Amino acid sequence: MDQDGQTREARFTRLYDAHYSAVRAYAWRRGRDTADDVVAETFTLAWQRLERVPAEPLPWLIGIARNVRLNQDRGERRRRDRELRSAEREDVPSFTEGLEAQSALADALGRLSERDREVLLLAAWEGLDRPGLATALECSKTTAGVRLHRARKRLAAALSLIEAESDGVCAVRGGLLDEH
């Protein structure tokens, strides 16, 4: 029980019953599609801040609803901006292009020796640099660098061969041909 002898739940229920319609009307007039979400979040915040409810709660609740709506609007704007930036990027392959590239890469890797595959995958998937490769492969840094360089050349040749065989374009991603 709080200072007035009322339970927290009873105080909140009275607040909700007295002001739900006004908060809902405010939210509905500003966005019919999001009104219910705004009202729900407004009263969730009111519950969390129940001890701070002023003597005249409606303006306070409207202020919370306004902030909730503004936060939702900002979030929606950021989401749209991200989508636009993604759509404008030319280097993002379509789903089918990604599958084709992955298929060509898997095919090319399959044509390499286990030793070449291992050094390439350690560099690309595990992100190992030459000193890291040397440690993992138990060889010198120079030897690791040479093995990586040669494996990349063999992978590029295998990809070129696959491309020539399919008369298509192969976009390889994932850092397998990138120099470190």
N, C-alpha and C. Protein backbone atom coordinates (compact mmCIF):
# COMPACT_ATOMS: atom_id res chain seq x y z
N MET A 1 0.84 -1.19 0.00
CA MET A 1 0.00 0.00 0.00
C MET A 1 0.88 1.25 0.00
N ASP A 2 0.40 2.26 -0.72
CA ASP A 2 1.17 3.50 -0.76
C ASP A 2 0.64 4.46 0.30
N GLN A 3 1.06 5.71 0.24
CA GLN A 3 0.75 6.69 1.27
C GLN A 3 -0.74 6.98 1.43
N ASP A 4 -1.51 6.84 0.38
CA ASP A 4 -2.96 7.11 0.47
C ASP A 4 -3.74 5.86 0.82
N GLY A 5 -3.06 4.79 1.14
CA GLY A 5 -3.75 3.56 1.49
C GLY A 5 -4.26 2.81 0.27
N GLN A 6 -3.79 3.17 -0.90
CA GLN A 6 -4.21 2.52 -2.13
C GLN A 6 -3.10 1.61 -2.63
N THR A 7 -3.49 0.55 -3.24
CA THR A 7 -2.47 -0.31 -3.84
C THR A 7 -2.01 0.33 -5.14
N ARG A 8 -0.82 -0.05 -5.54
CA ARG A 8 -0.25 0.45 -6.79
C ARG A 8 -1.17 0.10 -7.95
N GLU A 9 -1.67 -1.13 -7.94
CA GLU A 9 -2.54 -1.58 -9.02
C GLU A 9 -3.83 -0.77 -9.08
N ALA A 10 -4.39 -0.45 -7.94
CA ALA A 10 -5.63 0.34 -7.91
C ALA A 10 -5.39 1.75 -8.43
N ARG A 11 -4.27 2.35 -8.06
CA ARG A 11 -3.93 3.69 -8.55
C ARG A 11 -3.79 3.67 -10.07
N PHE A 12 -3.07 2.66 -10.58
CA PHE A 12 -2.87 2.57 -12.01
C PHE A 12 -4.19 2.33 -12.73
N THR A 13 -5.02 1.46 -12.20
CA THR A 13 -6.31 1.16 -12.83
C THR A 13 -7.16 2.42 -12.93
N ARG A 14 -7.19 3.22 -11.88
CA ARG A 14 -7.95 4.47 -11.93
C ARG A 14 -7.37 5.43 -12.97
N LEU A 15 -6.05 5.52 -13.02
CA LEU A 15 -5.39 6.38 -14.01
C LEU A 15 -5.74 5.90 -15.41
N TYR A 16 -5.63 4.63 -15.65
CA TYR A 16 -5.92 4.04 -16.96
C TYR A 16 -7.38 4.27 -17.35
N ASP A 17 -8.28 3.94 -16.45
CA ASP A 17 -9.71 4.10 -16.75
C ASP A 17 -10.08 5.55 -17.02
N ALA A 18 -9.49 6.47 -16.29
CA ALA A 18 -9.83 7.88 -16.43
C ALA A 18 -9.26 8.51 -17.70
N HIS A 19 -8.12 8.02 -18.19
CA HIS A 19 -7.44 8.73 -19.27
C HIS A 19 -7.17 7.91 -20.53
N TYR A 20 -7.55 6.65 -20.53
CA TYR A 20 -7.30 5.81 -21.70
C TYR A 20 -7.90 6.44 -22.96
N SER A 21 -9.16 6.84 -22.92
CA SER A 21 -9.84 7.36 -24.12
C SER A 21 -9.15 8.61 -24.66
N ALA A 22 -8.73 9.49 -23.78
CA ALA A 22 -8.09 10.73 -24.22
C ALA A 22 -6.72 10.44 -24.85
N VAL A 23 -5.95 9.53 -24.24
CA VAL A 23 -4.64 9.18 -24.79
C VAL A 23 -4.82 8.46 -26.12
N ARG A 24 -5.82 7.57 -26.18
CA ARG A 24 -6.10 6.84 -27.43
C ARG A 24 -6.51 7.80 -28.53
N ALA A 25 -7.34 8.78 -28.22
CA ALA A 25 -7.77 9.76 -29.22
C ALA A 25 -6.57 10.57 -29.72
N TYR A 26 -5.71 10.99 -28.80
CA TYR A 26 -4.51 11.72 -29.20
C TYR A 26 -3.69 10.88 -30.18
N ALA A 27 -3.41 9.65 -29.82
CA ALA A 27 -2.58 8.77 -30.65
C ALA A 27 -3.26 8.47 -31.98
N TRP A 28 -4.55 8.26 -31.97
CA TRP A 28 -5.30 7.92 -33.18
C TRP A 28 -5.29 9.07 -34.18
N ARG A 29 -5.43 10.30 -33.68
CA ARG A 29 -5.42 11.46 -34.57
C ARG A 29 -4.07 11.67 -35.23
N ARG A 30 -3.02 11.15 -34.64
CA ARG A 30 -1.69 11.34 -35.20
C ARG A 30 -1.17 10.14 -35.97
N GLY A 31 -1.88 9.05 -35.92
CA GLY A 31 -1.47 7.87 -36.68
C GLY A 31 -2.33 6.68 -36.35
N ARG A 32 -3.33 6.43 -37.16
CA ARG A 32 -4.27 5.35 -36.88
C ARG A 32 -3.59 3.99 -36.78
N ASP A 33 -2.59 3.77 -37.63
CA ASP A 33 -1.93 2.47 -37.66
C ASP A 33 -1.11 2.18 -36.41
N THR A 34 -0.61 3.22 -35.77
CA THR A 34 0.26 3.03 -34.62
C THR A 34 -0.39 3.41 -33.30
N ALA A 35 -1.64 3.81 -33.33
CA ALA A 35 -2.30 4.32 -32.12
C ALA A 35 -2.28 3.31 -30.97
N ASP A 36 -2.61 2.07 -31.25
CA ASP A 36 -2.66 1.08 -30.17
C ASP A 36 -1.28 0.85 -29.56
N ASP A 37 -0.25 0.85 -30.41
CA ASP A 37 1.12 0.67 -29.90
C ASP A 37 1.53 1.86 -29.03
N VAL A 38 1.18 3.05 -29.46
CA VAL A 38 1.51 4.25 -28.68
C VAL A 38 0.82 4.22 -27.33
N VAL A 39 -0.45 3.86 -27.32
CA VAL A 39 -1.20 3.81 -26.06
C VAL A 39 -0.62 2.74 -25.14
N ALA A 40 -0.33 1.58 -25.68
CA ALA A 40 0.23 0.50 -24.85
C ALA A 40 1.55 0.92 -24.23
N GLU A 41 2.43 1.51 -25.04
CA GLU A 41 3.73 1.92 -24.50
C GLU A 41 3.58 3.08 -23.53
N THR A 42 2.64 3.98 -23.78
CA THR A 42 2.41 5.10 -22.87
C THR A 42 2.01 4.61 -21.49
N PHE A 43 1.07 3.67 -21.45
CA PHE A 43 0.62 3.19 -20.15
C PHE A 43 1.63 2.24 -19.50
N THR A 44 2.45 1.60 -20.29
CA THR A 44 3.55 0.81 -19.71
C THR A 44 4.52 1.74 -19.00
N LEU A 45 4.86 2.85 -19.66
CA LEU A 45 5.75 3.83 -19.03
C LEU A 45 5.09 4.48 -17.82
N ALA A 46 3.79 4.72 -17.91
CA ALA A 46 3.07 5.30 -16.76
C ALA A 46 3.13 4.34 -15.57
N TRP A 47 2.98 3.05 -15.82
CA TRP A 47 3.08 2.05 -14.75
C TRP A 47 4.47 2.09 -14.12
N GLN A 48 5.49 2.18 -14.96
CA GLN A 48 6.86 2.18 -14.46
C GLN A 48 7.17 3.46 -13.67
N ARG A 49 6.48 4.54 -13.98
CA ARG A 49 6.75 5.83 -13.34
C ARG A 49 5.57 6.28 -12.48
N LEU A 50 4.81 5.34 -11.99
CA LEU A 50 3.55 5.66 -11.29
C LEU A 50 3.75 6.62 -10.11
N GLU A 51 4.89 6.52 -9.44
CA GLU A 51 5.11 7.41 -8.30
C GLU A 51 5.39 8.85 -8.73
N ARG A 52 5.59 9.08 -10.02
CA ARG A 52 5.85 10.43 -10.53
C ARG A 52 4.63 11.07 -11.20
N VAL A 53 3.50 10.41 -11.16
CA VAL A 53 2.30 10.95 -11.80
C VAL A 53 1.90 12.24 -11.08
N PRO A 54 1.77 13.33 -11.84
CA PRO A 54 1.40 14.61 -11.20
C PRO A 54 -0.09 14.64 -10.83
N ALA A 55 -0.47 15.68 -10.16
CA ALA A 55 -1.87 15.83 -9.72
C ALA A 55 -2.81 15.87 -10.92
N GLU A 56 -2.39 16.50 -12.00
CA GLU A 56 -3.16 16.54 -13.24
C GLU A 56 -2.46 15.62 -14.24
N PRO A 57 -2.85 14.35 -14.34
CA PRO A 57 -2.07 13.38 -15.11
C PRO A 57 -2.24 13.43 -16.63
N LEU A 58 -3.36 13.97 -17.15
CA LEU A 58 -3.58 13.90 -18.59
C LEU A 58 -2.48 14.59 -19.40
N PRO A 59 -2.09 15.82 -19.08
CA PRO A 59 -1.02 16.43 -19.87
C PRO A 59 0.29 15.63 -19.79
N TRP A 60 0.56 15.05 -18.63
CA TRP A 60 1.75 14.22 -18.46
C TRP A 60 1.67 12.98 -19.35
N LEU A 61 0.51 12.33 -19.37
CA LEU A 61 0.31 11.15 -20.23
C LEU A 61 0.41 11.51 -21.71
N ILE A 62 -0.15 12.65 -22.09
CA ILE A 62 -0.06 13.10 -23.49
C ILE A 62 1.41 13.36 -23.84
N GLY A 63 2.15 13.93 -22.92
CA GLY A 63 3.58 14.16 -23.15
C GLY A 63 4.33 12.84 -23.36
N ILE A 64 4.00 11.84 -22.58
CA ILE A 64 4.62 10.53 -22.76
C ILE A 64 4.23 9.96 -24.12
N ALA A 65 2.95 10.04 -24.46
CA ALA A 65 2.47 9.53 -25.75
C ALA A 65 3.16 10.25 -26.91
N ARG A 66 3.34 11.52 -26.76
CA ARG A 66 4.03 12.30 -27.80
C ARG A 66 5.45 11.81 -27.99
N ASN A 67 6.17 11.60 -26.89
CA ASN A 67 7.55 11.11 -26.97
C ASN A 67 7.61 9.69 -27.56
N VAL A 68 6.66 8.86 -27.20
CA VAL A 68 6.60 7.50 -27.75
C VAL A 68 6.41 7.58 -29.26
N ARG A 69 5.47 8.42 -29.68
CA ARG A 69 5.20 8.57 -31.12
C ARG A 69 6.42 9.12 -31.85
N LEU A 70 7.08 10.11 -31.29
CA LEU A 70 8.27 10.68 -31.92
C LEU A 70 9.39 9.64 -32.02
N ASN A 71 9.56 8.84 -30.98
CA ASN A 71 10.56 7.76 -31.02
C ASN A 71 10.23 6.74 -32.11
N GLN A 72 8.95 6.41 -32.23
CA GLN A 72 8.54 5.47 -33.28
C GLN A 72 8.81 6.07 -34.66
N ASP A 73 8.49 7.35 -34.82
CA ASP A 73 8.73 8.02 -36.11
C ASP A 73 10.22 8.03 -36.46
N ARG A 74 11.06 8.33 -35.47
CA ARG A 74 12.51 8.33 -35.71
C ARG A 74 12.98 6.93 -36.09
N GLY A 75 12.50 5.94 -35.40
CA GLY A 75 12.89 4.57 -35.71
C GLY A 75 12.46 4.17 -37.12
N GLU A 76 11.26 4.56 -37.50
CA GLU A 76 10.77 4.25 -38.85
C GLU A 76 11.60 4.97 -39.91
N ARG A 77 11.95 6.23 -39.64
CA ARG A 77 12.81 6.98 -40.58
C ARG A 77 14.17 6.31 -40.73
N ARG A 78 14.76 5.89 -39.61
CA ARG A 78 16.06 5.21 -39.69
C ARG A 78 15.94 3.90 -40.47
N ARG A 79 14.88 3.16 -40.27
CA ARG A 79 14.67 1.91 -40.98
C ARG A 79 14.56 2.16 -42.48
N ARG A 80 13.76 3.17 -42.87
CA ARG A 80 13.61 3.51 -44.29
C ARG A 80 14.94 3.96 -44.89
N ASP A 81 15.69 4.77 -44.16
CA ASP A 81 17.00 5.22 -44.64
C ASP A 81 17.95 4.04 -44.85
N ARG A 82 17.95 3.09 -43.92
CA ARG A 82 18.80 1.89 -44.08
C ARG A 82 18.38 1.11 -45.32
N GLU A 83 17.08 0.97 -45.53
CA GLU A 83 16.60 0.24 -46.70
C GLU A 83 17.01 0.95 -47.99
N LEU A 84 16.89 2.27 -48.01
CA LEU A 84 17.30 3.03 -49.20
C LEU A 84 18.79 2.89 -49.46
N ARG A 85 19.59 2.99 -48.39
CA ARG A 85 21.04 2.84 -48.57
C ARG A 85 21.37 1.44 -49.08
N SER A 86 20.70 0.44 -48.57
CA SER A 86 20.94 -0.93 -49.04
C SER A 86 20.53 -1.08 -50.49
N ALA A 87 19.41 -0.50 -50.86
CA ALA A 87 18.93 -0.61 -52.24
C ALA A 87 19.86 0.11 -53.20
N GLU A 88 20.49 1.19 -52.75
CA GLU A 88 21.37 1.96 -53.62
C GLU A 88 22.74 1.32 -53.79
N ARG A 89 23.12 0.44 -52.88
CA ARG A 89 24.43 -0.19 -52.98
C ARG A 89 24.44 -1.14 -54.16
N GLU A 90 25.38 -0.94 -55.03
CA GLU A 90 25.48 -1.77 -56.22
C GLU A 90 26.17 -3.09 -55.94
N ASP A 91 26.94 -3.16 -54.87
CA ASP A 91 27.72 -4.37 -54.63
C ASP A 91 26.95 -5.43 -53.85
N VAL A 92 25.69 -5.19 -53.57
CA VAL A 92 24.89 -6.18 -52.87
C VAL A 92 24.26 -7.10 -53.91
N PRO A 93 24.65 -8.38 -53.90
CA PRO A 93 24.10 -9.28 -54.90
C PRO A 93 22.66 -9.66 -54.59
N SER A 94 21.94 -10.02 -55.63
CA SER A 94 20.60 -10.54 -55.41
C SER A 94 20.75 -11.91 -54.78
N PHE A 95 19.66 -12.46 -54.32
CA PHE A 95 19.70 -13.78 -53.69
C PHE A 95 20.24 -14.82 -54.67
N THR A 96 19.75 -14.80 -55.91
CA THR A 96 20.21 -15.80 -56.88
C THR A 96 21.67 -15.57 -57.26
N GLU A 97 22.09 -14.31 -57.35
CA GLU A 97 23.50 -14.04 -57.63
C GLU A 97 24.38 -14.55 -56.50
N GLY A 98 23.91 -14.38 -55.29
CA GLY A 98 24.66 -14.89 -54.13
C GLY A 98 24.77 -16.40 -54.15
N LEU A 99 23.68 -17.07 -54.51
CA LEU A 99 23.72 -18.53 -54.61
C LEU A 99 24.67 -18.98 -55.72
N GLU A 100 24.61 -18.29 -56.85
CA GLU A 100 25.49 -18.65 -57.96
C GLU A 100 26.95 -18.45 -57.57
N ALA A 101 27.25 -17.32 -56.93
CA ALA A 101 28.62 -17.05 -56.52
C ALA A 101 29.07 -18.09 -55.50
N GLN A 102 28.20 -18.41 -54.57
CA GLN A 102 28.54 -19.40 -53.55
C GLN A 102 28.76 -20.76 -54.20
N SER A 103 27.92 -21.10 -55.16
CA SER A 103 28.06 -22.37 -55.85
C SER A 103 29.37 -22.41 -56.63
N ALA A 104 29.70 -21.34 -57.33
CA ALA A 104 30.95 -21.28 -58.09
C ALA A 104 32.14 -21.34 -57.15
N LEU A 105 32.05 -20.65 -56.03
CA LEU A 105 33.15 -20.66 -55.07
C LEU A 105 33.32 -22.05 -54.47
N ALA A 106 32.22 -22.68 -54.11
CA ALA A 106 32.30 -24.03 -53.56
C ALA A 106 32.90 -24.98 -54.59
N ASP A 107 32.49 -24.83 -55.84
CA ASP A 107 33.04 -25.65 -56.92
C ASP A 107 34.54 -25.41 -57.06
N ALA A 108 34.93 -24.14 -57.06
CA ALA A 108 36.35 -23.81 -57.21
C ALA A 108 37.17 -24.34 -56.03
N LEU A 109 36.65 -24.18 -54.82
CA LEU A 109 37.35 -24.71 -53.65
C LEU A 109 37.48 -26.22 -53.73
N GLY A 110 36.45 -26.87 -54.25
CA GLY A 110 36.48 -28.32 -54.39
C GLY A 110 37.54 -28.79 -55.37
N ARG A 111 37.91 -27.93 -56.29
CA ARG A 111 38.93 -28.29 -57.28
C ARG A 111 40.36 -28.11 -56.75
N LEU A 112 40.48 -27.46 -55.61
CA LEU A 112 41.81 -27.22 -55.03
C LEU A 112 42.24 -28.39 -54.16
N SER A 113 43.53 -28.43 -53.88
CA SER A 113 44.03 -29.45 -52.95
C SER A 113 43.57 -29.10 -51.53
N GLU A 114 43.57 -30.09 -50.67
CA GLU A 114 43.20 -29.87 -49.27
C GLU A 114 44.12 -28.83 -48.64
N ARG A 115 45.37 -28.84 -48.98
CA ARG A 115 46.35 -27.90 -48.44
C ARG A 115 46.01 -26.46 -48.85
N ASP A 116 45.66 -26.25 -50.12
CA ASP A 116 45.28 -24.90 -50.59
C ASP A 116 43.97 -24.45 -49.93
N ARG A 117 43.00 -25.36 -49.87
CA ARG A 117 41.71 -25.03 -49.23
C ARG A 117 41.93 -24.61 -47.78
N GLU A 118 42.75 -25.35 -47.07
CA GLU A 118 42.97 -25.07 -45.65
C GLU A 118 43.56 -23.68 -45.43
N VAL A 119 44.59 -23.31 -46.19
CA VAL A 119 45.21 -22.01 -45.99
C VAL A 119 44.24 -20.88 -46.37
N LEU A 120 43.45 -21.08 -47.43
CA LEU A 120 42.47 -20.06 -47.81
C LEU A 120 41.39 -19.89 -46.76
N LEU A 121 40.89 -20.99 -46.27
CA LEU A 121 39.80 -20.91 -45.28
C LEU A 121 40.29 -20.39 -43.94
N LEU A 122 41.52 -20.72 -43.57
CA LEU A 122 42.08 -20.14 -42.35
C LEU A 122 42.19 -18.62 -42.47
N ALA A 123 42.57 -18.15 -43.63
CA ALA A 123 42.69 -16.70 -43.84
C ALA A 123 41.32 -16.04 -43.91
N ALA A 124 40.39 -16.64 -44.67
CA ALA A 124 39.09 -16.00 -44.88
C ALA A 124 38.14 -16.19 -43.71
N TRP A 125 37.93 -17.41 -43.28
CA TRP A 125 36.93 -17.69 -42.25
C TRP A 125 37.42 -17.39 -40.85
N GLU A 126 38.66 -17.72 -40.59
CA GLU A 126 39.19 -17.51 -39.24
C GLU A 126 39.84 -16.15 -39.10
N GLY A 127 40.05 -15.47 -40.23
CA GLY A 127 40.63 -14.13 -40.20
C GLY A 127 42.09 -14.10 -39.80
N LEU A 128 42.80 -15.19 -40.05
CA LEU A 128 44.21 -15.23 -39.65
C LEU A 128 45.09 -14.45 -40.64
N ASP A 129 46.00 -13.65 -40.08
CA ASP A 129 46.98 -12.96 -40.91
C ASP A 129 48.18 -13.90 -41.08
N ARG A 130 49.23 -13.41 -41.73
CA ARG A 130 50.37 -14.29 -42.00
C ARG A 130 51.00 -14.87 -40.73
N PRO A 131 51.23 -14.05 -39.70
CA PRO A 131 51.79 -14.65 -38.47
C PRO A 131 50.83 -15.70 -37.86
N GLY A 132 49.54 -15.42 -37.92
CA GLY A 132 48.56 -16.38 -37.41
C GLY A 132 48.54 -17.65 -38.23
N LEU A 133 48.61 -17.49 -39.55
CA LEU A 133 48.67 -18.66 -40.43
C LEU A 133 49.93 -19.48 -40.14
N ALA A 134 51.05 -18.80 -39.96
CA ALA A 134 52.30 -19.50 -39.67
C ALA A 134 52.17 -20.34 -38.41
N THR A 135 51.53 -19.78 -37.40
CA THR A 135 51.35 -20.52 -36.15
C THR A 135 50.43 -21.71 -36.37
N ALA A 136 49.29 -21.47 -37.03
CA ALA A 136 48.32 -22.54 -37.25
C ALA A 136 48.88 -23.65 -38.14
N LEU A 137 49.65 -23.26 -39.14
CA LEU A 137 50.19 -24.24 -40.10
C LEU A 137 51.55 -24.79 -39.68
N GLU A 138 52.08 -24.26 -38.58
CA GLU A 138 53.37 -24.68 -38.05
C GLU A 138 54.48 -24.54 -39.10
N CYS A 139 54.57 -23.32 -39.64
CA CYS A 139 55.61 -23.01 -40.61
C CYS A 139 56.06 -21.58 -40.39
N SER A 140 57.02 -21.12 -41.16
CA SER A 140 57.49 -19.74 -41.02
C SER A 140 56.46 -18.78 -41.61
N LYS A 141 56.57 -17.50 -41.25
CA LYS A 141 55.69 -16.48 -41.80
C LYS A 141 55.86 -16.38 -43.31
N THR A 142 57.09 -16.50 -43.76
CA THR A 142 57.37 -16.42 -45.19
C THR A 142 56.68 -17.57 -45.92
N THR A 143 56.82 -18.76 -45.39
CA THR A 143 56.19 -19.93 -46.01
C THR A 143 54.68 -19.79 -46.01
N ALA A 144 54.13 -19.31 -44.91
CA ALA A 144 52.68 -19.11 -44.84
C ALA A 144 52.23 -18.11 -45.89
N GLY A 145 52.97 -17.02 -46.05
CA GLY A 145 52.64 -16.01 -47.06
C GLY A 145 52.69 -16.57 -48.47
N VAL A 146 53.71 -17.37 -48.74
CA VAL A 146 53.85 -17.97 -50.07
C VAL A 146 52.70 -18.95 -50.33
N ARG A 147 52.39 -19.77 -49.33
CA ARG A 147 51.31 -20.75 -49.50
C ARG A 147 49.97 -20.04 -49.75
N LEU A 148 49.71 -18.95 -49.00
CA LEU A 148 48.48 -18.20 -49.19
C LEU A 148 48.43 -17.58 -50.58
N HIS A 149 49.53 -16.98 -50.99
CA HIS A 149 49.60 -16.35 -52.31
C HIS A 149 49.34 -17.38 -53.42
N ARG A 150 49.99 -18.51 -53.34
CA ARG A 150 49.82 -19.54 -54.36
C ARG A 150 48.40 -20.11 -54.35
N ALA A 151 47.85 -20.28 -53.17
CA ALA A 151 46.49 -20.82 -53.08
C ALA A 151 45.49 -19.84 -53.68
N ARG A 152 45.70 -18.56 -53.45
CA ARG A 152 44.83 -17.54 -54.04
C ARG A 152 44.91 -17.55 -55.56
N LYS A 153 46.12 -17.71 -56.07
CA LYS A 153 46.29 -17.77 -57.53
C LYS A 153 45.57 -19.00 -58.09
N ARG A 154 45.68 -20.12 -57.42
CA ARG A 154 45.02 -21.34 -57.88
C ARG A 154 43.50 -21.20 -57.80
N LEU A 155 43.02 -20.55 -56.75
CA LEU A 155 41.58 -20.32 -56.62
C LEU A 155 41.09 -19.41 -57.74
N ALA A 156 41.83 -18.34 -58.02
CA ALA A 156 41.45 -17.43 -59.10
C ALA A 156 41.41 -18.17 -60.43
N ALA A 157 42.38 -19.03 -60.65
CA ALA A 157 42.41 -19.80 -61.90
C ALA A 157 41.21 -20.75 -61.97
N ALA A 158 40.90 -21.40 -60.86
CA ALA A 158 39.75 -22.31 -60.84
C ALA A 158 38.45 -21.55 -61.08
N LEU A 159 38.33 -20.38 -60.50
CA LEU A 159 37.13 -19.56 -60.71
C LEU A 159 37.03 -19.11 -62.16
N SER A 160 38.15 -18.72 -62.74
CA SER A 160 38.16 -18.32 -64.16
C SER A 160 37.73 -19.47 -65.04
N LEU A 161 38.20 -20.64 -64.73
CA LEU A 161 37.83 -21.82 -65.50
C LEU A 161 36.33 -22.10 -65.38
N ILE A 162 35.81 -22.01 -64.18
CA ILE A 162 34.37 -22.22 -63.95
C ILE A 162 33.57 -21.16 -64.70
N GLU A 163 34.03 -19.93 -64.65
CA GLU A 163 33.35 -18.84 -65.34
C GLU A 163 33.35 -19.10 -66.85
N ALA A 164 34.46 -19.51 -67.37
CA ALA A 164 34.55 -19.80 -68.80
C ALA A 164 33.64 -20.98 -69.16
N GLU A 165 33.57 -21.95 -68.27
CA GLU A 165 32.72 -23.12 -68.53
C GLU A 165 31.25 -22.76 -68.54
N SER A 166 30.87 -21.84 -67.68
CA SER A 166 29.45 -21.49 -67.58
C SER A 166 29.08 -20.26 -68.40
N ASP A 167 30.09 -19.59 -68.98
CA ASP A 167 29.87 -18.35 -69.73
C ASP A 167 29.07 -17.34 -68.92
N GLY A 168 29.25 -17.36 -67.60
CA GLY A 168 28.54 -16.44 -66.71
C GLY A 168 29.51 -15.58 -65.95
N VAL A 169 28.96 -14.75 -65.14
CA VAL A 169 29.76 -13.88 -64.31
C VAL A 169 29.74 -14.42 -62.90
N CYS A 170 30.87 -14.47 -62.29
CA CYS A 170 30.99 -15.00 -60.94
C CYS A 170 31.47 -13.89 -60.01
N ALA A 171 30.67 -13.54 -59.05
CA ALA A 171 31.06 -12.53 -58.07
C ALA A 171 31.48 -13.25 -56.79
N VAL A 172 32.75 -13.21 -56.48
CA VAL A 172 33.25 -13.93 -55.32
C VAL A 172 33.34 -12.97 -54.14
N ARG A 173 32.78 -13.39 -53.03
CA ARG A 173 32.81 -12.60 -51.82
C ARG A 173 33.45 -13.41 -50.71
N GLY A 174 33.72 -12.78 -49.61
CA GLY A 174 34.20 -13.49 -48.45
C GLY A 174 35.69 -13.37 -48.21
N GLY A 175 36.39 -12.65 -49.03
CA GLY A 175 37.78 -12.36 -48.75
C GLY A 175 38.77 -13.43 -49.18
N LEU A 176 38.33 -14.42 -49.93
CA LEU A 176 39.26 -15.49 -50.30
C LEU A 176 40.31 -15.02 -51.28
N LEU A 177 40.00 -14.02 -52.11
CA LEU A 177 40.96 -13.52 -53.07
C LEU A 177 41.61 -12.21 -52.61
N ASP A 178 41.22 -11.73 -51.45
CA ASP A 178 41.75 -10.46 -50.95
C ASP A 178 43.13 -10.68 -50.35
N GLU A 179 44.05 -9.79 -50.67
CA GLU A 179 45.37 -9.84 -50.05
C GLU A 179 45.27 -9.28 -48.65
N HIS A 180 46.00 -9.87 -47.74
CA HIS A 180 46.03 -9.36 -46.36
C HIS A 180 47.20 -8.45 -46.18
